């Protein structure tokens, strides 16, 4: 199994975060079928689908996934993401100009 990262959308409303999570999930699955993406609920008591994504990269190219995230961000003006690895924040306040920081966050070993 590869590295598991979580991607969230700080500063977004619940509805907006859910839309972002669904859209980015579709984008990442389109990059490579080997990318595993699951939506996580903040609380099991809520009915929403979840505005946080758990991404397992496996052997998929980190660069391809990072570029996919940056491309998605470019199409979603105003969206910002936070990436965590093993529960620790590795990158925050990322937008479409941050492709290099996204790739670094995905490849960082913790």
PDB file of N, CA and C in Angstrom:
ATOM      1  N   UNK A   1       0.842  -1.179   0.000  1.00  0.00           N
ATOM      2  CA  UNK A   1       0.000   0.000   0.000  1.00  0.00           C
ATOM      3  C   UNK A   1       0.883   1.237   0.000  1.00  0.00           C
ATOM      4  N   UNK A   2       0.450   2.285  -0.633  1.00  0.00           N
ATOM      5  CA  UNK A   2       1.237   3.509  -0.723  1.00  0.00           C
ATOM      6  C   UNK A   2       0.941   4.457   0.418  1.00  0.00           C
ATOM      7  N   UNK A   3       1.415   5.667   0.252  1.00  0.00           N
ATOM      8  CA  UNK A   3       1.197   6.706   1.247  1.00  0.00           C
ATOM      9  C   UNK A   3      -0.255   7.162   1.226  1.00  0.00           C
ATOM     10  N   UNK A   4      -0.783   7.440   2.422  1.00  0.00           N
ATOM     11  CA  UNK A   4      -2.133   7.992   2.517  1.00  0.00           C
ATOM     12  C   UNK A   4      -2.030   9.441   2.936  1.00  0.00           C
ATOM     13  N   UNK A   5      -2.676  10.286   2.167  1.00  0.00           N
ATOM     14  CA  UNK A   5      -2.717  11.715   2.473  1.00  0.00           C
ATOM     15  C   UNK A   5      -4.171  12.111   2.617  1.00  0.00           C
ATOM     16  N   UNK A   6      -4.417  13.172   3.367  1.00  0.00           N
ATOM     17  CA  UNK A   6      -5.764  13.722   3.405  1.00  0.00           C
ATOM     18  C   UNK A   6      -5.711  15.135   2.854  1.00  0.00           C
ATOM     19  N   UNK A   7      -6.742  15.455   2.099  1.00  0.00           N
ATOM     20  CA  UNK A   7      -6.870  16.785   1.513  1.00  0.00           C
ATOM     21  C   UNK A   7      -8.176  17.372   2.013  1.00  0.00           C
ATOM     22  N   UNK A   8      -8.087  18.555   2.592  1.00  0.00           N
ATOM     23  CA  UNK A   8      -9.290  19.243   3.064  1.00  0.00           C
ATOM     24  C   UNK A   8      -9.325  20.645   2.474  1.00  0.00           C
ATOM     25  N   UNK A   9     -10.432  21.311   2.702  1.00  0.00           N
ATOM     26  CA  UNK A   9     -10.696  22.607   2.082  1.00  0.00           C
ATOM     27  C   UNK A   9     -10.979  23.646   3.165  1.00  0.00           C
ATOM     28  N   UNK A  10      -9.939  24.097   3.874  1.00  0.00           N
ATOM     29  CA  UNK A  10     -10.154  25.041   4.971  1.00  0.00           C
ATOM     30  C   UNK A  10     -10.760  26.356   4.475  1.00  0.00           C
ATOM     31  N   UNK A  11     -11.634  26.900   5.284  1.00  0.00           N
ATOM     32  CA  UNK A  11     -12.262  28.174   4.937  1.00  0.00           C
ATOM     33  C   UNK A  11     -13.481  28.021   4.054  1.00  0.00           C
ATOM     34  N   UNK A  12     -13.793  26.800   3.643  1.00  0.00           N
ATOM     35  CA  UNK A  12     -14.966  26.563   2.807  1.00  0.00           C
ATOM     36  C   UNK A  12     -16.158  26.203   3.683  1.00  0.00           C
ATOM     37  N   UNK A  13     -17.341  26.561   3.211  1.00  0.00           N
ATOM     38  CA  UNK A  13     -18.552  26.129   3.910  1.00  0.00           C
ATOM     39  C   UNK A  13     -18.676  24.618   3.739  1.00  0.00           C
ATOM     40  N   UNK A  14     -19.548  23.989   4.532  1.00  0.00           N
ATOM     41  CA  UNK A  14     -19.751  22.545   4.414  1.00  0.00           C
ATOM     42  C   UNK A  14     -20.208  22.175   3.013  1.00  0.00           C
ATOM     43  N   UNK A  15     -21.177  22.916   2.488  1.00  0.00           N
ATOM     44  CA  UNK A  15     -21.696  22.627   1.145  1.00  0.00           C
ATOM     45  C   UNK A  15     -20.612  22.797   0.086  1.00  0.00           C
ATOM     46  N   UNK A  16     -19.856  23.881   0.182  1.00  0.00           N
ATOM     47  CA  UNK A  16     -18.793  24.148  -0.779  1.00  0.00           C
ATOM     48  C   UNK A  16     -17.701  23.080  -0.667  1.00  0.00           C
ATOM     49  N   UNK A  17     -17.325  22.723   0.557  1.00  0.00           N
ATOM     50  CA  UNK A  17     -16.318  21.682   0.777  1.00  0.00           C
ATOM     51  C   UNK A  17     -16.755  20.348   0.190  1.00  0.00           C
ATOM     52  N   UNK A  18     -18.033  20.024   0.342  1.00  0.00           N
ATOM     53  CA  UNK A  18     -18.557  18.785  -0.236  1.00  0.00           C
ATOM     54  C   UNK A  18     -18.478  18.804  -1.761  1.00  0.00           C
ATOM     55  N   UNK A  19     -18.824  19.935  -2.360  1.00  0.00           N
ATOM     56  CA  UNK A  19     -18.731  20.056  -3.820  1.00  0.00           C
ATOM     57  C   UNK A  19     -17.279  19.927  -4.270  1.00  0.00           C
ATOM     58  N   UNK A  20     -16.390  20.625  -3.591  1.00  0.00           N
ATOM     59  CA  UNK A  20     -14.973  20.548  -3.932  1.00  0.00           C
ATOM     60  C   UNK A  20     -14.463  19.106  -3.810  1.00  0.00           C
ATOM     61  N   UNK A  21     -14.817  18.433  -2.715  1.00  0.00           N
ATOM     62  CA  UNK A  21     -14.342  17.065  -2.483  1.00  0.00           C
ATOM     63  C   UNK A  21     -14.823  16.127  -3.585  1.00  0.00           C
ATOM     64  N   UNK A  22     -16.085  16.253  -3.988  1.00  0.00           N
ATOM     65  CA  UNK A  22     -16.608  15.405  -5.048  1.00  0.00           C
ATOM     66  C   UNK A  22     -15.917  15.656  -6.371  1.00  0.00           C
ATOM     67  N   UNK A  23     -15.719  16.915  -6.691  1.00  0.00           N
ATOM     68  CA  UNK A  23     -15.095  17.294  -7.950  1.00  0.00           C
ATOM     69  C   UNK A  23     -13.628  16.865  -7.995  1.00  0.00           C
ATOM     70  N   UNK A  24     -12.880  17.129  -6.924  1.00  0.00           N
ATOM     71  CA  UNK A  24     -11.462  16.760  -6.901  1.00  0.00           C
ATOM     72  C   UNK A  24     -11.307  15.241  -6.892  1.00  0.00           C
ATOM     73  N   UNK A  25     -12.187  14.546  -6.203  1.00  0.00           N
ATOM     74  CA  UNK A  25     -12.163  13.088  -6.197  1.00  0.00           C
ATOM     75  C   UNK A  25     -12.288  12.543  -7.614  1.00  0.00           C
ATOM     76  N   UNK A  26     -13.240  13.073  -8.379  1.00  0.00           N
ATOM     77  CA  UNK A  26     -13.412  12.649  -9.773  1.00  0.00           C
ATOM     78  C   UNK A  26     -12.162  12.950 -10.588  1.00  0.00           C
ATOM     79  N   UNK A  27     -11.581  14.129 -10.372  1.00  0.00           N
ATOM     80  CA  UNK A  27     -10.364  14.529 -11.096  1.00  0.00           C
ATOM     81  C   UNK A  27      -9.226  13.548 -10.825  1.00  0.00           C
ATOM     82  N   UNK A  28      -9.016  13.198  -9.553  1.00  0.00           N
ATOM     83  CA  UNK A  28      -7.910  12.317  -9.195  1.00  0.00           C
ATOM     84  C   UNK A  28      -8.109  10.906  -9.731  1.00  0.00           C
ATOM     85  N   UNK A  29      -9.326  10.417  -9.700  1.00  0.00           N
ATOM     86  CA  UNK A  29      -9.605   9.084 -10.253  1.00  0.00           C
ATOM     87  C   UNK A  29      -9.371   9.053 -11.761  1.00  0.00           C
ATOM     88  N   UNK A  30      -9.574  10.198 -12.417  1.00  0.00           N
ATOM     89  CA  UNK A  30      -9.363  10.275 -13.857  1.00  0.00           C
ATOM     90  C   UNK A  30      -7.902  10.274 -14.256  1.00  0.00           C
ATOM     91  N   UNK A  31      -7.018  10.594 -13.331  1.00  0.00           N
ATOM     92  CA  UNK A  31      -5.583  10.623 -13.624  1.00  0.00           C
ATOM     93  C   UNK A  31      -5.055   9.207 -13.798  1.00  0.00           C
ATOM     94  N   UNK A  32      -5.447   8.334 -12.894  1.00  0.00           N
ATOM     95  CA  UNK A  32      -4.981   6.954 -12.926  1.00  0.00           C
ATOM     96  C   UNK A  32      -5.928   6.116 -12.080  1.00  0.00           C
ATOM     97  N   UNK A  33      -6.450   5.018 -12.617  1.00  0.00           N
ATOM     98  CA  UNK A  33      -7.373   4.190 -11.841  1.00  0.00           C
ATOM     99  C   UNK A  33      -6.732   3.592 -10.585  1.00  0.00           C
ATOM    100  N   UNK A  34      -5.404   3.587 -10.511  1.00  0.00           N
ATOM    101  CA  UNK A  34      -4.720   3.049  -9.336  1.00  0.00           C
ATOM    102  C   UNK A  34      -4.771   4.010  -8.147  1.00  0.00           C
ATOM    103  N   UNK A  35      -5.179   5.257  -8.376  1.00  0.00           N
ATOM    104  CA  UNK A  35      -5.307   6.216  -7.277  1.00  0.00           C
ATOM    105  C   UNK A  35      -6.558   5.855  -6.494  1.00  0.00           C
ATOM    106  N   UNK A  36      -6.405   5.647  -5.207  1.00  0.00           N
ATOM    107  CA  UNK A  36      -7.546   5.344  -4.348  1.00  0.00           C
ATOM    108  C   UNK A  36      -7.964   6.633  -3.645  1.00  0.00           C
ATOM    109  N   UNK A  37      -9.223   7.019  -3.818  1.00  0.00           N
ATOM    110  CA  UNK A  37      -9.735   8.250  -3.209  1.00  0.00           C
ATOM    111  C   UNK A  37     -11.022   7.924  -2.472  1.00  0.00           C
ATOM    112  N   UNK A  38     -11.066   8.235  -1.191  1.00  0.00           N
ATOM    113  CA  UNK A  38     -12.261   8.046  -0.382  1.00  0.00           C
ATOM    114  C   UNK A  38     -12.623   9.356   0.285  1.00  0.00           C
ATOM    115  N   UNK A  39     -13.915   9.626   0.367  1.00  0.00           N
ATOM    116  CA  UNK A  39     -14.375  10.821   1.075  1.00  0.00           C
ATOM    117  C   UNK A  39     -14.583  10.468   2.533  1.00  0.00           C
ATOM    118  N   UNK A  40     -14.107  11.330   3.415  1.00  0.00           N
ATOM    119  CA  UNK A  40     -14.209  11.114   4.855  1.00  0.00           C
ATOM    120  C   UNK A  40     -15.201  12.087   5.468  1.00  0.00           C
ATOM    121  N   UNK A  41     -16.086  11.594   6.296  1.00  0.00           N
ATOM    122  CA  UNK A  41     -17.023  12.460   7.022  1.00  0.00           C
ATOM    123  C   UNK A  41     -16.330  13.014   8.250  1.00  0.00           C
ATOM    124  N   UNK A  42     -16.635  14.260   8.554  1.00  0.00           N
ATOM    125  CA  UNK A  42     -16.077  14.876   9.761  1.00  0.00           C
ATOM    126  C   UNK A  42     -16.637  14.195  11.002  1.00  0.00           C
ATOM    127  N   UNK A  43     -17.896  13.792  10.907  1.00  0.00           N
ATOM    128  CA  UNK A  43     -18.565  13.149  12.033  1.00  0.00           C
ATOM    129  C   UNK A  43     -19.512  12.093  11.471  1.00  0.00           C
ATOM    130  N   UNK A  44     -19.527  10.893  12.069  1.00  0.00           N
ATOM    131  CA  UNK A  44     -20.436   9.865  11.568  1.00  0.00           C
ATOM    132  C   UNK A  44     -21.911  10.235  11.749  1.00  0.00           C
ATOM    133  N   UNK A  45     -22.198  11.227  12.578  1.00  0.00           N
ATOM    134  CA  UNK A  45     -23.570  11.647  12.827  1.00  0.00           C
ATOM    135  C   UNK A  45     -24.118  12.555  11.730  1.00  0.00           C
ATOM    136  N   UNK A  46     -23.256  13.063  10.857  1.00  0.00           N
ATOM    137  CA  UNK A  46     -23.711  13.971   9.813  1.00  0.00           C
ATOM    138  C   UNK A  46     -24.169  13.197   8.581  1.00  0.00           C
ATOM    139  N   UNK A  47     -25.006  13.826   7.790  1.00  0.00           N
ATOM    140  CA  UNK A  47     -25.521  13.205   6.580  1.00  0.00           C
ATOM    141  C   UNK A  47     -24.707  13.562   5.347  1.00  0.00           C
ATOM    142  N   UNK A  48     -23.804  14.526   5.465  1.00  0.00           N
ATOM    143  CA  UNK A  48     -23.045  14.935   4.282  1.00  0.00           C
ATOM    144  C   UNK A  48     -22.076  13.831   3.858  1.00  0.00           C
ATOM    145  N   UNK A  49     -21.647  13.887   2.620  1.00  0.00           N
ATOM    146  CA  UNK A  49     -20.748  12.878   2.064  1.00  0.00           C
ATOM    147  C   UNK A  49     -19.341  12.988   2.622  1.00  0.00           C
ATOM    148  N   UNK A  50     -18.975  14.157   3.075  1.00  0.00           N
ATOM    149  CA  UNK A  50     -17.638  14.380   3.601  1.00  0.00           C
ATOM    150  C   UNK A  50     -16.859  15.332   2.728  1.00  0.00           C
ATOM    151  N   UNK A  51     -16.196  16.283   3.378  1.00  0.00           N
ATOM    152  CA  UNK A  51     -15.471  17.315   2.654  1.00  0.00           C
ATOM    153  C   UNK A  51     -13.969  17.122   2.767  1.00  0.00           C
ATOM    154  N   UNK A  52     -13.540  15.940   3.206  1.00  0.00           N
ATOM    155  CA  UNK A  52     -12.120  15.619   3.281  1.00  0.00           C
ATOM    156  C   UNK A  52     -11.884  14.372   2.448  1.00  0.00           C
ATOM    157  N   UNK A  53     -10.801  14.363   1.704  1.00  0.00           N
ATOM    158  CA  UNK A  53     -10.457  13.217   0.869  1.00  0.00           C
ATOM    159  C   UNK A  53      -9.261  12.477   1.448  1.00  0.00           C
ATOM    160  N   UNK A  54      -9.329  11.153   1.469  1.00  0.00           N
ATOM    161  CA  UNK A  54      -8.175  10.317   1.796  1.00  0.00           C
ATOM    162  C   UNK A  54      -7.672   9.776   0.471  1.00  0.00           C
ATOM    163  N   UNK A  55      -6.419  10.055   0.154  1.00  0.00           N
ATOM    164  CA  UNK A  55      -5.835   9.681  -1.135  1.00  0.00           C
ATOM    165  C   UNK A  55      -4.678   8.725  -0.879  1.00  0.00           C
ATOM    166  N   UNK A  56      -4.748   7.537  -1.503  1.00  0.00           N
ATOM    167  CA  UNK A  56      -3.650   6.579  -1.420  1.00  0.00           C
ATOM    168  C   UNK A  56      -2.993   6.547  -2.783  1.00  0.00           C
ATOM    169  N   UNK A  57      -1.737   6.930  -2.827  1.00  0.00           N
ATOM    170  CA  UNK A  57      -1.035   7.072  -4.095  1.00  0.00           C
ATOM    171  C   UNK A  57      -0.512   5.763  -4.652  1.00  0.00           C
ATOM    172  N   UNK A  58      -0.094   4.834  -3.820  1.00  0.00           N
ATOM    173  CA  UNK A  58       0.475   3.591  -4.333  1.00  0.00           C
ATOM    174  C   UNK A  58       1.679   3.887  -5.199  1.00  0.00           C
ATOM    175  N   UNK A  59       1.714   3.305  -6.391  1.00  0.00           N
ATOM    176  CA  UNK A  59       2.855   3.501  -7.284  1.00  0.00           C
ATOM    177  C   UNK A  59       2.586   4.587  -8.318  1.00  0.00           C
ATOM    178  N   UNK A  60       1.471   5.256  -8.176  1.00  0.00           N
ATOM    179  CA  UNK A  60       1.094   6.307  -9.113  1.00  0.00           C
ATOM    180  C   UNK A  60       2.106   7.456  -9.024  1.00  0.00           C
ATOM    181  N   UNK A  61       2.341   8.083 -10.128  1.00  0.00           N
ATOM    182  CA  UNK A  61       3.269   9.202 -10.175  1.00  0.00           C
ATOM    183  C   UNK A  61       2.789  10.352  -9.302  1.00  0.00           C
ATOM    184  N   UNK A  62       3.595  10.716  -8.335  1.00  0.00           N
ATOM    185  CA  UNK A  62       3.285  11.837  -7.458  1.00  0.00           C
ATOM    186  C   UNK A  62       3.155  13.112  -8.282  1.00  0.00           C
ATOM    187  N   UNK A  63       4.012  13.260  -9.273  1.00  0.00           N
ATOM    188  CA  UNK A  63       3.977  14.451 -10.114  1.00  0.00           C
ATOM    189  C   UNK A  63       2.666  14.545 -10.876  1.00  0.00           C
ATOM    190  N   UNK A  64       2.189  13.436 -11.415  1.00  0.00           N
ATOM    191  CA  UNK A  64       0.930  13.449 -12.162  1.00  0.00           C
ATOM    192  C   UNK A  64      -0.240  13.831 -11.258  1.00  0.00           C
ATOM    193  N   UNK A  65      -0.270  13.279 -10.054  1.00  0.00           N
ATOM    194  CA  UNK A  65      -1.350  13.603  -9.122  1.00  0.00           C
ATOM    195  C   UNK A  65      -1.253  15.060  -8.682  1.00  0.00           C
ATOM    196  N   UNK A  66      -0.049  15.523  -8.373  1.00  0.00           N
ATOM    197  CA  UNK A  66       0.139  16.920  -7.963  1.00  0.00           C
ATOM    198  C   UNK A  66      -0.287  17.875  -9.073  1.00  0.00           C
ATOM    199  N   UNK A  67       0.073  17.550 -10.302  1.00  0.00           N
ATOM    200  CA  UNK A  67      -0.343  18.389 -11.425  1.00  0.00           C
ATOM    201  C   UNK A  67      -1.856  18.362 -11.606  1.00  0.00           C
ATOM    202  N   UNK A  68      -2.467  17.207 -11.349  1.00  0.00           N
ATOM    203  CA  UNK A  68      -3.921  17.105 -11.419  1.00  0.00           C
ATOM    204  C   UNK A  68      -4.591  17.982 -10.376  1.00  0.00           C
ATOM    205  N   UNK A  69      -4.044  17.994  -9.158  1.00  0.00           N
ATOM    206  CA  UNK A  69      -4.588  18.846  -8.091  1.00  0.00           C
ATOM    207  C   UNK A  69      -4.421  20.309  -8.463  1.00  0.00           C
ATOM    208  N   UNK A  70      -3.244  20.684  -8.958  1.00  0.00           N
ATOM    209  CA  UNK A  70      -3.000  22.079  -9.348  1.00  0.00           C
ATOM    210  C   UNK A  70      -3.926  22.497 -10.487  1.00  0.00           C
ATOM    211  N   UNK A  71      -4.141  21.604 -11.434  1.00  0.00           N
ATOM    212  CA  UNK A  71      -5.046  21.881 -12.550  1.00  0.00           C
ATOM    213  C   UNK A  71      -6.478  22.074 -12.043  1.00  0.00           C
ATOM    214  N   UNK A  72      -6.886  21.210 -11.115  1.00  0.00           N
ATOM    215  CA  UNK A  72      -8.220  21.330 -10.521  1.00  0.00           C
ATOM    216  C   UNK A  72      -8.356  22.680  -9.805  1.00  0.00           C
ATOM    217  N   UNK A  73      -7.339  23.054  -9.040  1.00  0.00           N
ATOM    218  CA  UNK A  73      -7.361  24.326  -8.319  1.00  0.00           C
ATOM    219  C   UNK A  73      -7.475  25.502  -9.290  1.00  0.00           C
ATOM    220  N   UNK A  74      -6.818  25.406 -10.427  1.00  0.00           N
ATOM    221  CA  UNK A  74      -6.868  26.486 -11.422  1.00  0.00           C
ATOM    222  C   UNK A  74      -8.289  26.681 -11.949  1.00  0.00           C
ATOM    223  N   UNK A  75      -9.048  25.608 -12.018  1.00  0.00           N
ATOM    224  CA  UNK A  75     -10.429  25.694 -12.503  1.00  0.00           C
ATOM    225  C   UNK A  75     -11.423  26.067 -11.405  1.00  0.00           C
ATOM    226  N   UNK A  76     -10.987  26.072 -10.158  1.00  0.00           N
ATOM    227  CA  UNK A  76     -11.871  26.378  -9.031  1.00  0.00           C
ATOM    228  C   UNK A  76     -11.321  27.593  -8.279  1.00  0.00           C
ATOM    229  N   UNK A  77     -11.488  28.720  -8.898  1.00  0.00           N
ATOM    230  CA  UNK A  77     -10.974  29.975  -8.352  1.00  0.00           C
ATOM    231  C   UNK A  77     -11.418  30.173  -6.910  1.00  0.00           C
ATOM    232  N   UNK A  78     -10.483  30.504  -6.076  1.00  0.00           N
ATOM    233  CA  UNK A  78     -10.786  30.762  -4.671  1.00  0.00           C
ATOM    234  C   UNK A  78     -10.668  29.541  -3.780  1.00  0.00           C
ATOM    235  N   UNK A  79     -10.610  28.352  -4.367  1.00  0.00           N
ATOM    236  CA  UNK A  79     -10.471  27.137  -3.556  1.00  0.00           C
ATOM    237  C   UNK A  79      -9.055  27.056  -3.004  1.00  0.00           C
ATOM    238  N   UNK A  80      -8.962  26.616  -1.779  1.00  0.00           N
ATOM    239  CA  UNK A  80      -7.674  26.395  -1.131  1.00  0.00           C
ATOM    240  C   UNK A  80      -7.705  25.023  -0.490  1.00  0.00           C
ATOM    241  N   UNK A  81      -6.543  24.365  -0.457  1.00  0.00           N
ATOM    242  CA  UNK A  81      -6.483  23.036   0.138  1.00  0.00           C
ATOM    243  C   UNK A  81      -5.423  22.976   1.229  1.00  0.00           C
ATOM    244  N   UNK A  82      -5.583  21.962   2.063  1.00  0.00           N
ATOM    245  CA  UNK A  82      -4.595  21.633   3.086  1.00  0.00           C
ATOM    246  C   UNK A  82      -4.313  20.143   2.930  1.00  0.00           C
ATOM    247  N   UNK A  83      -3.036  19.768   2.977  1.00  0.00           N
ATOM    248  CA  UNK A  83      -2.641  18.367   2.826  1.00  0.00           C
ATOM    249  C   UNK A  83      -2.007  17.905   4.134  1.00  0.00           C
ATOM    250  N   UNK A  84      -2.486  16.740   4.605  1.00  0.00           N
ATOM    251  CA  UNK A  84      -1.916  16.122   5.804  1.00  0.00           C
ATOM    252  C   UNK A  84      -1.389  14.749   5.446  1.00  0.00           C
ATOM    253  N   UNK A  85      -0.312  14.377   6.132  1.00  0.00           N
ATOM    254  CA  UNK A  85       0.250  13.038   5.992  1.00  0.00           C
ATOM    255  C   UNK A  85       0.480  12.511   7.393  1.00  0.00           C
ATOM    256  N   UNK A  86      -0.037  11.335   7.678  1.00  0.00           N
ATOM    257  CA  UNK A  86       0.070  10.743   9.015  1.00  0.00           C
ATOM    258  C   UNK A  86      -0.439  11.693  10.093  1.00  0.00           C
ATOM    259  N   UNK A  87      -1.487  12.440   9.783  1.00  0.00           N
ATOM    260  CA  UNK A  87      -2.109  13.332  10.756  1.00  0.00           C
ATOM    261  C   UNK A  87      -1.412  14.662  10.936  1.00  0.00           C
ATOM    262  N   UNK A  88      -0.281  14.863  10.291  1.00  0.00           N
ATOM    263  CA  UNK A  88       0.456  16.123  10.423  1.00  0.00           C
ATOM    264  C   UNK A  88       0.293  16.954   9.155  1.00  0.00           C
ATOM    265  N   UNK A  89       0.089  18.240   9.328  1.00  0.00           N
ATOM    266  CA  UNK A  89      -0.032  19.133   8.178  1.00  0.00           C
ATOM    267  C   UNK A  89       1.324  19.230   7.491  1.00  0.00           C
ATOM    268  N   UNK A  90       1.331  18.940   6.184  1.00  0.00           N
ATOM    269  CA  UNK A  90       2.573  19.060   5.416  1.00  0.00           C
ATOM    270  C   UNK A  90       2.521  20.239   4.455  1.00  0.00           C
ATOM    271  N   UNK A  91       1.319  20.737   4.175  1.00  0.00           N
ATOM    272  CA  UNK A  91       1.184  21.925   3.328  1.00  0.00           C
ATOM    273  C   UNK A  91      -0.210  22.499   3.537  1.00  0.00           C
ATOM    274  N   UNK A  92      -0.274  23.820   3.624  1.00  0.00           N
ATOM    275  CA  UNK A  92      -1.566  24.453   3.831  1.00  0.00           C
ATOM    276  C   UNK A  92      -1.654  25.725   3.004  1.00  0.00           C
ATOM    277  N   UNK A  93      -2.880  26.183   2.804  1.00  0.00           N
ATOM    278  CA  UNK A  93      -3.154  27.408   2.066  1.00  0.00           C
ATOM    279  C   UNK A  93      -2.622  27.336   0.640  1.00  0.00           C
ATOM    280  N   UNK A  94      -2.814  26.169   0.002  1.00  0.00           N
ATOM    281  CA  UNK A  94      -2.328  25.965  -1.353  1.00  0.00           C
ATOM    282  C   UNK A  94      -3.386  26.370  -2.367  1.00  0.00           C
ATOM    283  N   UNK A  95      -2.938  26.988  -3.451  1.00  0.00           N
ATOM    284  CA  UNK A  95      -3.849  27.294  -4.552  1.00  0.00           C
ATOM    285  C   UNK A  95      -3.185  26.876  -5.853  1.00  0.00           C
ATOM    286  N   UNK A  96      -3.750  27.284  -6.984  1.00  0.00           N
ATOM    287  CA  UNK A  96      -3.290  26.793  -8.284  1.00  0.00           C
ATOM    288  C   UNK A  96      -1.842  27.151  -8.616  1.00  0.00           C
ATOM    289  N   UNK A  97      -1.277  28.133  -7.966  1.00  0.00           N
ATOM    290  CA  UNK A  97       0.116  28.521  -8.247  1.00  0.00           C
ATOM    291  C   UNK A  97       1.118  27.632  -7.524  1.00  0.00           C
ATOM    292  N   UNK A  98       0.625  26.683  -6.734  1.00  0.00           N
ATOM    293  CA  UNK A  98       1.490  25.922  -5.842  1.00  0.00           C
ATOM    294  C   UNK A  98       1.760  24.489  -6.279  1.00  0.00           C
ATOM    295  N   UNK A  99       1.831  24.219  -7.572  1.00  0.00           N
ATOM    296  CA  UNK A  99       2.044  22.849  -8.057  1.00  0.00           C
ATOM    297  C   UNK A  99       3.309  22.232  -7.447  1.00  0.00           C
ATOM    298  N   UNK A 100       4.380  22.991  -7.359  1.00  0.00           N
ATOM    299  CA  UNK A 100       5.627  22.464  -6.805  1.00  0.00           C
ATOM    300  C   UNK A 100       5.462  22.122  -5.329  1.00  0.00           C
ATOM    301  N   UNK A 101       4.775  22.978  -4.572  1.00  0.00           N
ATOM    302  CA  UNK A 101       4.541  22.703  -3.143  1.00  0.00           C
ATOM    303  C   UNK A 101       3.623  21.505  -2.957  1.00  0.00           C
ATOM    304  N   UNK A 102       2.667  21.329  -3.859  1.00  0.00           N
ATOM    305  CA  UNK A 102       1.768  20.182  -3.788  1.00  0.00           C
ATOM    306  C   UNK A 102       2.559  18.898  -4.020  1.00  0.00           C
ATOM    307  N   UNK A 103       3.396  18.880  -5.053  1.00  0.00           N
ATOM    308  CA  UNK A 103       4.227  17.699  -5.338  1.00  0.00           C
ATOM    309  C   UNK A 103       5.153  17.395  -4.158  1.00  0.00           C
ATOM    310  N   UNK A 104       5.723  18.431  -3.573  1.00  0.00           N
ATOM    311  CA  UNK A 104       6.614  18.250  -2.421  1.00  0.00           C
ATOM    312  C   UNK A 104       5.851  17.654  -1.244  1.00  0.00           C
ATOM    313  N   UNK A 105       4.635  18.148  -0.991  1.00  0.00           N
ATOM    314  CA  UNK A 105       3.818  17.628   0.104  1.00  0.00           C
ATOM    315  C   UNK A 105       3.463  16.170  -0.119  1.00  0.00           C
ATOM    316  N   UNK A 106       3.151  15.797  -1.362  1.00  0.00           N
ATOM    317  CA  UNK A 106       2.790  14.419  -1.664  1.00  0.00           C
ATOM    318  C   UNK A 106       3.980  13.490  -1.506  1.00  0.00           C
ATOM    319  N   UNK A 107       5.170  13.959  -1.845  1.00  0.00           N
ATOM    320  CA  UNK A 107       6.341  13.083  -1.815  1.00  0.00           C
ATOM    321  C   UNK A 107       7.101  13.120  -0.495  1.00  0.00           C
ATOM    322  N   UNK A 108       6.764  14.066   0.373  1.00  0.00           N
ATOM    323  CA  UNK A 108       7.474  14.206   1.647  1.00  0.00           C
ATOM    324  C   UNK A 108       7.319  12.937   2.477  1.00  0.00           C
ATOM    325  N   UNK A 109       8.399  12.478   3.042  1.00  0.00           N
ATOM    326  CA  UNK A 109       8.382  11.293   3.912  1.00  0.00           C
ATOM    327  C   UNK A 109       8.285  11.753   5.351  1.00  0.00           C
ATOM    328  N   UNK A 110       7.338  11.189   6.075  1.00  0.00           N
ATOM    329  CA  UNK A 110       7.179  11.517   7.495  1.00  0.00           C
ATOM    330  C   UNK A 110       7.099  10.273   8.292  1.00  0.00           C
TER     331      UNK A 110
END
